[in-house]
Amino acid sequence: QVQLVTSGGGSVQAGGSLRLSCAASGTSGYCLRWSRQAPGRLREAVATIDTDGSASYSDSVRGRFTIFKDNTREVFYLQMNSLKPADSGIYYCAALCRAPNYWGQGTQVTVSS
């Protein structure tokens, strides 16, 4: 059974860093994704690890964020550097590319200018 538990959000000043964690048990064969949702906006994909292990990023975070996973601990991460106020929002981890999809609970990220 898939379970996703998110942690690591918080508040930081612009230019700072945060690392989000998602404990993702039972997700073998799934794509793993970090998405975010800002107030009044649609949820958007931020970073994805595909089933072949390749990583992809949205244009807005490429070069600043890194998605990676620790297979031995079934945890995947989002390392966020050079944070901007526009990066603020609720961040969700997800297991996708297979049915059903699973989403973790959100974690708030707030970046102040």
N, C-alpha and C. Protein backbone atom coordinates (compact mmCIF):
# COMPACT_ATOMS: atom_id res chain seq x y z
N GLN A 1 0.84 -1.18 0.00
CA GLN A 1 0.00 0.00 0.00
C GLN A 1 0.89 1.24 0.00
N VAL A 2 0.52 2.22 -0.84
CA VAL A 2 1.31 3.43 -0.95
C VAL A 2 0.96 4.39 0.18
N GLN A 3 1.99 4.92 0.79
CA GLN A 3 1.80 5.97 1.80
C GLN A 3 2.83 7.06 1.54
N LEU A 4 2.39 8.29 1.57
CA LEU A 4 3.25 9.44 1.35
C LEU A 4 3.12 10.38 2.54
N VAL A 5 4.24 10.71 3.16
CA VAL A 5 4.23 11.60 4.32
C VAL A 5 5.26 12.69 4.05
N THR A 6 4.78 13.92 4.01
CA THR A 6 5.60 15.07 3.65
C THR A 6 6.10 15.79 4.89
N SER A 7 7.31 16.30 4.81
CA SER A 7 7.85 17.11 5.90
C SER A 7 8.87 18.09 5.35
N GLY A 8 9.22 19.08 6.16
CA GLY A 8 10.33 19.97 5.82
C GLY A 8 9.97 21.36 5.38
N GLY A 9 8.70 21.71 5.35
CA GLY A 9 8.35 23.07 4.97
C GLY A 9 8.75 24.05 6.05
N GLY A 10 8.54 25.33 5.76
CA GLY A 10 8.86 26.36 6.74
C GLY A 10 8.94 27.71 6.10
N SER A 11 9.50 28.66 6.84
CA SER A 11 9.64 30.03 6.37
C SER A 11 11.11 30.35 6.20
N VAL A 12 11.42 31.08 5.14
CA VAL A 12 12.81 31.43 4.85
C VAL A 12 12.82 32.74 4.10
N GLN A 13 13.92 33.44 4.19
CA GLN A 13 14.06 34.68 3.42
C GLN A 13 14.49 34.37 2.00
N ALA A 14 14.19 35.29 1.12
CA ALA A 14 14.59 35.14 -0.28
C ALA A 14 16.09 34.89 -0.36
N GLY A 15 16.44 33.95 -1.23
CA GLY A 15 17.83 33.55 -1.38
C GLY A 15 18.23 32.38 -0.53
N GLY A 16 17.37 32.01 0.40
CA GLY A 16 17.65 30.90 1.29
C GLY A 16 17.32 29.56 0.67
N SER A 17 17.46 28.52 1.49
CA SER A 17 17.25 27.14 1.03
C SER A 17 16.35 26.38 2.00
N LEU A 18 15.65 25.42 1.45
CA LEU A 18 14.86 24.47 2.24
C LEU A 18 14.95 23.12 1.56
N ARG A 19 14.80 22.07 2.34
CA ARG A 19 14.71 20.73 1.78
C ARG A 19 13.42 20.10 2.26
N LEU A 20 12.62 19.65 1.31
CA LEU A 20 11.39 18.92 1.61
C LEU A 20 11.66 17.43 1.50
N SER A 21 10.99 16.66 2.34
CA SER A 21 11.12 15.21 2.32
C SER A 21 9.75 14.58 2.14
N CYS A 22 9.73 13.46 1.46
CA CYS A 22 8.50 12.69 1.31
C CYS A 22 8.83 11.23 1.55
N ALA A 23 8.37 10.71 2.66
CA ALA A 23 8.51 9.28 2.93
C ALA A 23 7.49 8.55 2.06
N ALA A 24 7.98 7.75 1.13
CA ALA A 24 7.12 7.23 0.06
C ALA A 24 7.19 5.71 0.01
N SER A 25 6.52 5.06 0.91
CA SER A 25 6.54 3.59 0.92
C SER A 25 5.61 3.03 -0.14
N GLY A 26 6.01 1.89 -0.71
CA GLY A 26 5.18 1.20 -1.69
C GLY A 26 5.10 1.85 -3.05
N THR A 27 6.08 2.69 -3.41
CA THR A 27 5.98 3.46 -4.66
C THR A 27 6.86 2.92 -5.78
N SER A 28 7.28 1.68 -5.69
CA SER A 28 8.04 1.09 -6.78
C SER A 28 7.20 1.11 -8.06
N GLY A 29 7.79 1.60 -9.16
CA GLY A 29 7.08 1.65 -10.42
C GLY A 29 6.30 2.92 -10.65
N TYR A 30 6.30 3.82 -9.69
CA TYR A 30 5.61 5.09 -9.83
C TYR A 30 6.58 6.19 -10.22
N CYS A 31 6.07 7.20 -10.92
CA CYS A 31 6.77 8.47 -11.03
C CYS A 31 6.57 9.18 -9.69
N LEU A 32 7.57 9.94 -9.29
CA LEU A 32 7.49 10.68 -8.03
C LEU A 32 7.57 12.17 -8.35
N ARG A 33 6.67 12.93 -7.81
CA ARG A 33 6.55 14.34 -8.19
C ARG A 33 6.38 15.22 -6.97
N TRP A 34 6.94 16.40 -7.08
CA TRP A 34 6.64 17.51 -6.19
C TRP A 34 5.82 18.53 -6.98
N SER A 35 4.70 18.93 -6.41
CA SER A 35 3.86 19.97 -6.99
C SER A 35 3.66 21.05 -5.93
N ARG A 36 3.20 22.21 -6.37
CA ARG A 36 2.91 23.27 -5.40
C ARG A 36 1.67 24.02 -5.83
N GLN A 37 1.07 24.65 -4.84
CA GLN A 37 -0.12 25.45 -5.10
C GLN A 37 -0.06 26.72 -4.29
N ALA A 38 -0.07 27.84 -4.98
CA ALA A 38 -0.10 29.14 -4.33
C ALA A 38 -1.56 29.58 -4.20
N PRO A 39 -1.85 30.47 -3.27
CA PRO A 39 -3.24 30.93 -3.09
C PRO A 39 -3.80 31.50 -4.39
N GLY A 40 -4.99 31.04 -4.75
CA GLY A 40 -5.65 31.55 -5.94
C GLY A 40 -5.11 31.01 -7.24
N ARG A 41 -4.21 30.06 -7.17
CA ARG A 41 -3.62 29.52 -8.39
C ARG A 41 -3.81 28.01 -8.45
N LEU A 42 -3.71 27.47 -9.65
CA LEU A 42 -3.82 26.03 -9.83
C LEU A 42 -2.55 25.33 -9.33
N ARG A 43 -2.71 24.08 -8.95
CA ARG A 43 -1.55 23.30 -8.57
C ARG A 43 -0.67 23.08 -9.80
N GLU A 44 0.63 23.25 -9.62
CA GLU A 44 1.56 23.08 -10.73
C GLU A 44 2.64 22.08 -10.37
N ALA A 45 3.05 21.32 -11.37
CA ALA A 45 4.16 20.38 -11.18
C ALA A 45 5.45 21.16 -11.11
N VAL A 46 6.30 20.79 -10.17
CA VAL A 46 7.58 21.47 -9.96
C VAL A 46 8.73 20.60 -10.42
N ALA A 47 8.74 19.34 -9.98
CA ALA A 47 9.84 18.45 -10.31
C ALA A 47 9.34 17.02 -10.27
N THR A 48 9.86 16.19 -11.17
CA THR A 48 9.41 14.81 -11.29
C THR A 48 10.59 13.88 -11.51
N ILE A 49 10.55 12.73 -10.84
CA ILE A 49 11.46 11.63 -11.17
C ILE A 49 10.62 10.59 -11.91
N ASP A 50 10.99 10.33 -13.16
CA ASP A 50 10.25 9.36 -13.96
C ASP A 50 10.65 7.95 -13.54
N THR A 51 9.93 6.98 -14.08
CA THR A 51 10.19 5.59 -13.71
C THR A 51 11.57 5.11 -14.16
N ASP A 52 12.17 5.80 -15.12
CA ASP A 52 13.52 5.42 -15.54
C ASP A 52 14.58 6.15 -14.74
N GLY A 53 14.15 6.93 -13.75
CA GLY A 53 15.09 7.63 -12.89
C GLY A 53 15.46 9.02 -13.35
N SER A 54 14.99 9.41 -14.52
CA SER A 54 15.33 10.74 -15.03
C SER A 54 14.50 11.80 -14.32
N ALA A 55 15.09 12.97 -14.15
CA ALA A 55 14.43 14.07 -13.47
C ALA A 55 14.06 15.17 -14.45
N SER A 56 12.95 15.81 -14.19
CA SER A 56 12.52 16.94 -15.01
C SER A 56 11.99 18.03 -14.09
N TYR A 57 12.05 19.25 -14.59
CA TYR A 57 11.72 20.41 -13.76
C TYR A 57 10.87 21.41 -14.55
N SER A 58 10.08 22.17 -13.83
CA SER A 58 9.39 23.28 -14.47
C SER A 58 10.41 24.37 -14.78
N ASP A 59 10.08 25.19 -15.76
CA ASP A 59 11.00 26.26 -16.14
C ASP A 59 11.28 27.21 -14.97
N SER A 60 10.31 27.39 -14.11
CA SER A 60 10.45 28.37 -13.03
C SER A 60 11.42 27.94 -11.94
N VAL A 61 11.74 26.65 -11.87
CA VAL A 61 12.63 26.18 -10.79
C VAL A 61 13.90 25.53 -11.30
N ARG A 62 13.97 25.29 -12.60
CA ARG A 62 15.14 24.59 -13.15
C ARG A 62 16.41 25.37 -12.81
N GLY A 63 17.41 24.64 -12.32
CA GLY A 63 18.66 25.27 -11.93
C GLY A 63 18.71 25.69 -10.47
N ARG A 64 17.56 25.72 -9.83
CA ARG A 64 17.52 26.10 -8.41
C ARG A 64 17.05 24.96 -7.52
N PHE A 65 16.17 24.11 -8.04
CA PHE A 65 15.62 22.99 -7.28
C PHE A 65 16.21 21.68 -7.80
N THR A 66 16.34 20.72 -6.90
CA THR A 66 16.80 19.39 -7.27
C THR A 66 15.91 18.35 -6.61
N ILE A 67 15.39 17.44 -7.40
CA ILE A 67 14.63 16.31 -6.88
C ILE A 67 15.52 15.09 -6.88
N PHE A 68 15.53 14.35 -5.80
CA PHE A 68 16.34 13.13 -5.74
C PHE A 68 15.72 12.19 -4.73
N LYS A 69 16.10 10.93 -4.83
CA LYS A 69 15.52 9.95 -3.92
C LYS A 69 16.58 9.06 -3.31
N ASP A 70 16.27 8.59 -2.14
CA ASP A 70 17.10 7.62 -1.42
C ASP A 70 16.34 6.30 -1.46
N ASN A 71 16.74 5.44 -2.36
CA ASN A 71 16.02 4.17 -2.53
C ASN A 71 16.11 3.27 -1.31
N THR A 72 17.19 3.39 -0.56
CA THR A 72 17.36 2.51 0.59
C THR A 72 16.36 2.85 1.70
N ARG A 73 15.91 4.12 1.72
CA ARG A 73 14.99 4.54 2.77
C ARG A 73 13.61 4.86 2.23
N GLU A 74 13.38 4.69 0.95
CA GLU A 74 12.09 5.00 0.31
C GLU A 74 11.66 6.42 0.65
N VAL A 75 12.56 7.33 0.49
CA VAL A 75 12.30 8.75 0.71
C VAL A 75 12.76 9.52 -0.52
N PHE A 76 11.97 10.50 -0.94
CA PHE A 76 12.48 11.39 -1.97
C PHE A 76 12.38 12.83 -1.48
N TYR A 77 13.21 13.66 -2.08
CA TYR A 77 13.45 14.98 -1.55
C TYR A 77 13.29 16.05 -2.63
N LEU A 78 13.09 17.25 -2.18
CA LEU A 78 13.18 18.42 -3.05
C LEU A 78 14.09 19.42 -2.36
N GLN A 79 15.29 19.57 -2.89
CA GLN A 79 16.23 20.56 -2.39
C GLN A 79 15.94 21.87 -3.12
N MET A 80 15.62 22.90 -2.38
CA MET A 80 15.25 24.18 -2.97
C MET A 80 16.26 25.24 -2.56
N ASN A 81 16.96 25.76 -3.53
CA ASN A 81 17.97 26.79 -3.30
C ASN A 81 17.55 28.09 -3.99
N SER A 82 18.18 29.17 -3.58
CA SER A 82 17.91 30.49 -4.17
C SER A 82 16.41 30.77 -4.22
N LEU A 83 15.76 30.54 -3.12
CA LEU A 83 14.31 30.66 -3.07
C LEU A 83 13.86 32.09 -3.31
N LYS A 84 12.71 32.21 -3.95
CA LYS A 84 12.10 33.49 -4.26
C LYS A 84 10.72 33.56 -3.63
N PRO A 85 10.21 34.75 -3.39
CA PRO A 85 8.84 34.84 -2.86
C PRO A 85 7.81 34.12 -3.74
N ALA A 86 8.05 34.08 -5.05
CA ALA A 86 7.13 33.38 -5.96
C ALA A 86 7.13 31.87 -5.74
N ASP A 87 8.09 31.36 -4.99
CA ASP A 87 8.11 29.92 -4.68
C ASP A 87 7.20 29.57 -3.51
N SER A 88 6.62 30.55 -2.87
CA SER A 88 5.76 30.30 -1.72
C SER A 88 4.52 29.52 -2.14
N GLY A 89 4.06 28.67 -1.24
CA GLY A 89 2.86 27.90 -1.51
C GLY A 89 2.86 26.62 -0.69
N ILE A 90 1.85 25.83 -0.94
CA ILE A 90 1.79 24.51 -0.30
C ILE A 90 2.38 23.51 -1.27
N TYR A 91 3.32 22.75 -0.79
CA TYR A 91 4.02 21.76 -1.61
C TYR A 91 3.49 20.37 -1.28
N TYR A 92 3.24 19.60 -2.34
CA TYR A 92 2.71 18.25 -2.21
C TYR A 92 3.64 17.26 -2.91
N CYS A 93 3.84 16.11 -2.31
CA CYS A 93 4.50 15.04 -3.04
C CYS A 93 3.43 14.09 -3.57
N ALA A 94 3.76 13.38 -4.62
CA ALA A 94 2.79 12.52 -5.27
C ALA A 94 3.47 11.32 -5.92
N ALA A 95 2.75 10.23 -6.00
CA ALA A 95 3.15 9.04 -6.73
C ALA A 95 2.18 8.90 -7.90
N LEU A 96 2.70 8.98 -9.11
CA LEU A 96 1.87 9.06 -10.31
C LEU A 96 2.33 8.03 -11.33
N CYS A 97 1.73 8.10 -12.53
CA CYS A 97 2.06 7.26 -13.68
C CYS A 97 1.51 5.85 -13.57
N ARG A 98 0.88 5.54 -12.48
CA ARG A 98 0.14 4.30 -12.30
C ARG A 98 -1.16 4.64 -11.63
N ALA A 99 -2.15 3.80 -11.83
CA ALA A 99 -3.43 4.00 -11.15
C ALA A 99 -3.51 3.09 -9.94
N PRO A 100 -4.05 3.62 -8.83
CA PRO A 100 -4.44 5.01 -8.64
C PRO A 100 -3.23 5.90 -8.32
N ASN A 101 -3.43 7.18 -8.48
CA ASN A 101 -2.43 8.15 -8.06
C ASN A 101 -2.56 8.38 -6.56
N TYR A 102 -1.45 8.79 -5.95
CA TYR A 102 -1.47 9.08 -4.52
C TYR A 102 -0.83 10.44 -4.27
N TRP A 103 -1.37 11.14 -3.30
CA TRP A 103 -0.85 12.45 -2.91
C TRP A 103 -0.60 12.46 -1.41
N GLY A 104 0.50 13.08 -1.03
CA GLY A 104 0.77 13.29 0.37
C GLY A 104 0.06 14.54 0.87
N GLN A 105 0.12 14.75 2.17
CA GLN A 105 -0.44 15.98 2.70
C GLN A 105 0.49 17.13 2.34
N GLY A 106 0.02 18.31 2.26
CA GLY A 106 0.83 19.43 1.86
C GLY A 106 1.69 19.95 3.00
N THR A 107 2.74 20.66 2.62
CA THR A 107 3.57 21.35 3.59
C THR A 107 3.79 22.78 3.09
N GLN A 108 3.66 23.72 4.00
CA GLN A 108 3.72 25.13 3.62
C GLN A 108 5.16 25.60 3.49
N VAL A 109 5.41 26.30 2.40
CA VAL A 109 6.69 26.98 2.19
C VAL A 109 6.39 28.46 2.02
N THR A 110 7.03 29.28 2.83
CA THR A 110 6.84 30.72 2.75
C THR A 110 8.19 31.39 2.58
N VAL A 111 8.33 32.15 1.52
CA VAL A 111 9.58 32.85 1.24
C VAL A 111 9.30 34.34 1.31
N SER A 112 9.98 35.01 2.22
CA SER A 112 9.76 36.45 2.40
C SER A 112 10.86 37.24 1.70
N SER A 113 10.47 38.41 1.24
CA SER A 113 11.43 39.25 0.52
C SER A 113 12.23 40.12 1.46
